[in-house]
C-alpha atoms as a PDB file:
ATOM      1  CA  MET A   1     -59.688 -63.314 -25.302  1.00  0.00           C
ATOM      2  CA  ALA A   2     -62.923 -64.328 -23.426  1.00  0.00           C
ATOM      3  CA  ALA A   3     -61.199 -67.245 -21.793  1.00  0.00           C
ATOM      4  CA  ARG A   4     -58.109 -65.031 -20.818  1.00  0.00           C
ATOM      5  CA  ARG A   5     -60.613 -62.556 -19.354  1.00  0.00           C
ATOM      6  CA  ALA A   6     -62.309 -65.132 -17.518  1.00  0.00           C
ATOM      7  CA  VAL A   7     -58.978 -66.331 -15.979  1.00  0.00           C
ATOM      8  CA  GLY A   8     -58.480 -62.774 -14.574  1.00  0.00           C
ATOM      9  CA  VAL A   9     -61.940 -62.710 -13.213  1.00  0.00           C
ATOM     10  CA  ALA A  10     -61.579 -66.041 -11.500  1.00  0.00           C
ATOM     11  CA  ARG A  11     -58.176 -65.106  -9.833  1.00  0.00           C
ATOM     12  CA  ARG A  12     -59.605 -61.774  -8.573  1.00  0.00           C
ATOM     13  CA  SER A  13     -62.432 -63.459  -7.091  1.00  0.00           C
ATOM     14  CA  GLN A  14     -60.137 -66.394  -5.710  1.00  0.00           C
ATOM     15  CA  ASN A  15     -62.457 -69.060  -7.182  1.00  0.00           C
ATOM     16  CA  ASP A  16     -60.106 -71.838  -7.969  1.00  0.00           C
ATOM     17  CA  GLU A  17     -62.815 -74.060  -9.708  1.00  0.00           C
ATOM     18  CA  ALA A  18     -63.523 -71.248 -12.272  1.00  0.00           C
ATOM     19  CA  LYS A  19     -59.982 -70.468 -12.747  1.00  0.00           C
ATOM     20  CA  ASN A  20     -59.173 -74.054 -13.547  1.00  0.00           C
ATOM     21  CA  GLU A  21     -62.082 -74.117 -15.957  1.00  0.00           C
ATOM     22  CA  ALA A  22     -61.001 -70.764 -17.585  1.00  0.00           C
ATOM     23  CA  HIS A  23     -57.403 -72.145 -17.953  1.00  0.00           C
ATOM     24  CA  ALA A  24     -58.857 -75.238 -19.610  1.00  0.00           C
ATOM     25  CA  GLU A  25     -60.836 -73.249 -22.078  1.00  0.00           C
ATOM     26  CA  VAL A  26     -57.705 -71.174 -22.976  1.00  0.00           C
ATOM     27  CA  ASP A  27     -55.876 -74.419 -23.574  1.00  0.00           C
ATOM     28  CA  ARG A  28     -58.718 -75.693 -25.786  1.00  0.00           C
ATOM     29  CA  THR A  29     -58.828 -72.581 -27.693  1.00  0.00           C
ATOM     30  CA  LYS A  30     -54.950 -72.413 -28.313  1.00  0.00           C
ATOM     31  CA  ILE A  31     -55.082 -75.980 -29.469  1.00  0.00           C
ATOM     32  CA  ALA A  32     -57.928 -75.153 -31.837  1.00  0.00           C
ATOM     33  CA  LEU A  33     -55.928 -72.119 -33.132  1.00  0.00           C
ATOM     34  CA  GLY A  34     -52.844 -74.310 -33.643  1.00  0.00           C
ATOM     35  CA  GLU A  35     -50.900 -72.484 -31.003  1.00  0.00           C
ATOM     36  CA  ARG A  36     -50.470 -75.604 -28.912  1.00  0.00           C
ATOM     37  CA  GLY A  37     -50.575 -79.348 -29.633  1.00  0.00           C
ATOM     38  CA  PRO A  38     -48.822 -81.260 -32.585  1.00  0.00           C
ATOM     39  CA  VAL A  39     -47.205 -79.267 -35.265  1.00  0.00           C
ATOM     40  CA  TRP A  40     -49.370 -78.905 -38.244  1.00  0.00           C
ATOM     41  CA  TRP A  41     -46.796 -77.684 -40.754  1.00  0.00           C
ATOM     42  CA  ASP A  42     -43.871 -79.351 -42.284  1.00  0.00           C
ATOM     43  CA  ASP A  43     -41.512 -76.949 -44.067  1.00  0.00           C
ATOM     44  CA  GLY A  44     -38.290 -78.524 -42.896  1.00  0.00           C
ATOM     45  CA  ALA A  45     -37.155 -75.591 -40.686  1.00  0.00           C
ATOM     46  CA  PRO A  46     -35.957 -76.297 -37.225  1.00  0.00           C
ATOM     47  CA  ASP A  47     -38.398 -75.608 -34.470  1.00  0.00           C
ATOM     48  CA  LEU A  48     -36.752 -72.612 -32.560  1.00  0.00           C
ATOM     49  CA  ASN A  49     -39.801 -72.228 -30.202  1.00  0.00           C
ATOM     50  CA  ARG A  50     -37.801 -73.264 -27.066  1.00  0.00           C
ATOM     51  CA  HIS A  51     -34.601 -71.132 -27.728  1.00  0.00           C
ATOM     52  CA  LEU A  52     -33.916 -67.775 -26.301  1.00  0.00           C
ATOM     53  CA  ALA A  53     -32.737 -65.234 -28.873  1.00  0.00           C
ATOM     54  CA  ARG A  54     -29.663 -64.632 -26.949  1.00  0.00           C
ATOM     55  CA  THR A  55     -28.550 -68.426 -26.846  1.00  0.00           C
ATOM     56  CA  GLY A  56     -30.023 -69.856 -30.074  1.00  0.00           C
ATOM     57  CA  PRO A  57     -29.019 -69.565 -33.673  1.00  0.00           C
ATOM     58  CA  TYR A  58     -29.881 -65.649 -33.529  1.00  0.00           C
ATOM     59  CA  ALA A  59     -27.466 -64.955 -30.737  1.00  0.00           C
ATOM     60  CA  ASP A  60     -25.295 -62.701 -32.806  1.00  0.00           C
ATOM     61  CA  TRP A  61     -28.284 -60.749 -34.159  1.00  0.00           C
ATOM     62  CA  TYR A  62     -29.533 -60.402 -30.583  1.00  0.00           C
ATOM     63  CA  ALA A  63     -26.354 -59.114 -29.364  1.00  0.00           C
ATOM     64  CA  ASN A  64     -26.059 -56.542 -32.051  1.00  0.00           C
ATOM     65  CA  LEU A  65     -29.525 -55.234 -30.860  1.00  0.00           C
ATOM     66  CA  ALA A  66     -28.179 -54.464 -27.395  1.00  0.00           C
ATOM     67  CA  GLU A  67     -25.146 -52.814 -29.060  1.00  0.00           C
ATOM     68  CA  ASP A  68     -27.299 -50.519 -31.332  1.00  0.00           C
ATOM     69  CA  LYS A  69     -29.260 -49.122 -28.269  1.00  0.00           C
ATOM     70  CA  ARG A  70     -26.029 -47.950 -26.648  1.00  0.00           C
END
Protein backbone atom coordinates (compact mmCIF):
# COMPACT_ATOMS: atom_id res chain seq x y z
CA MET A 1 0.00 0.00 0.00
CA ALA A 2 2.92 2.34 0.56
CA ALA A 3 3.77 2.11 -3.14
CA ARG A 4 0.16 2.80 -4.12
CA ARG A 5 0.11 5.83 -1.82
CA ALA A 6 3.37 7.01 -3.39
CA VAL A 7 1.69 6.90 -6.81
CA GLY A 8 -1.06 9.20 -5.53
CA VAL A 9 1.40 11.60 -3.93
CA ALA A 10 3.45 11.76 -7.12
CA ARG A 11 0.34 12.37 -9.24
CA ARG A 12 -0.86 15.17 -7.00
CA SER A 13 2.57 16.81 -7.08
CA GLN A 14 2.79 16.22 -10.86
CA ASN A 15 6.20 14.61 -10.41
CA ASP A 16 6.56 12.25 -13.38
CA GLU A 17 9.86 10.76 -12.22
CA ALA A 18 8.44 9.91 -8.78
CA LYS A 19 5.25 8.58 -10.37
CA ASN A 20 7.21 6.27 -12.67
CA GLU A 21 9.29 4.98 -9.76
CA ALA A 22 6.18 4.45 -7.63
CA HIS A 23 4.49 2.51 -10.46
CA ALA A 24 7.64 0.40 -10.83
CA GLU A 25 7.56 -0.34 -7.08
CA VAL A 26 3.89 -1.33 -7.30
CA ASP A 27 4.79 -3.69 -10.16
CA ARG A 28 7.72 -5.23 -8.22
CA THR A 29 5.49 -5.73 -5.18
CA LYS A 30 2.70 -7.35 -7.18
CA ILE A 31 5.19 -9.71 -8.81
CA ALA A 32 6.63 -10.61 -5.39
CA LEU A 33 3.12 -11.32 -4.09
CA GLY A 34 2.31 -13.52 -7.10
CA GLU A 35 -0.35 -11.15 -8.45
CA ARG A 36 1.62 -10.54 -11.65
CA GLY A 37 4.12 -12.54 -13.61
CA PRO A 38 4.10 -16.18 -14.53
CA VAL A 39 1.47 -18.49 -13.10
CA TRP A 40 2.83 -20.17 -9.98
CA TRP A 41 0.10 -22.79 -9.59
CA ASP A 42 -0.98 -25.65 -11.79
CA ASP A 43 -4.32 -27.06 -10.77
CA GLY A 44 -5.54 -27.68 -14.32
CA ALA A 45 -8.33 -25.09 -14.08
CA PRO A 46 -8.66 -22.65 -16.96
CA ASP A 47 -7.34 -19.13 -16.40
CA LEU A 48 -10.45 -16.93 -16.44
CA ASN A 49 -8.66 -13.73 -15.39
CA ARG A 50 -9.18 -12.05 -18.75
CA HIS A 51 -12.91 -12.84 -19.02
CA LEU A 52 -15.75 -10.58 -18.02
CA ALA A 53 -18.36 -12.28 -15.83
CA ARG A 54 -21.07 -11.35 -18.32
CA THR A 55 -19.26 -12.85 -21.33
CA GLY A 56 -17.32 -15.79 -19.92
CA PRO A 57 -18.38 -19.16 -18.56
CA TYR A 58 -20.22 -17.44 -15.70
CA ALA A 59 -22.51 -15.44 -18.03
CA ASP A 60 -25.71 -17.21 -16.91
CA TRP A 61 -24.87 -16.71 -13.24
CA TYR A 62 -24.11 -13.04 -13.87
CA ALA A 63 -27.34 -12.52 -15.79
CA ASN A 64 -29.29 -14.01 -12.88
CA LEU A 65 -27.67 -11.53 -10.49
CA ALA A 66 -29.16 -8.66 -12.47
CA GLU A 67 -32.58 -10.33 -12.45
CA ASP A 68 -32.46 -10.87 -8.69
CA LYS A 69 -32.04 -7.12 -8.12
CA ARG A 70 -35.14 -6.15 -10.06
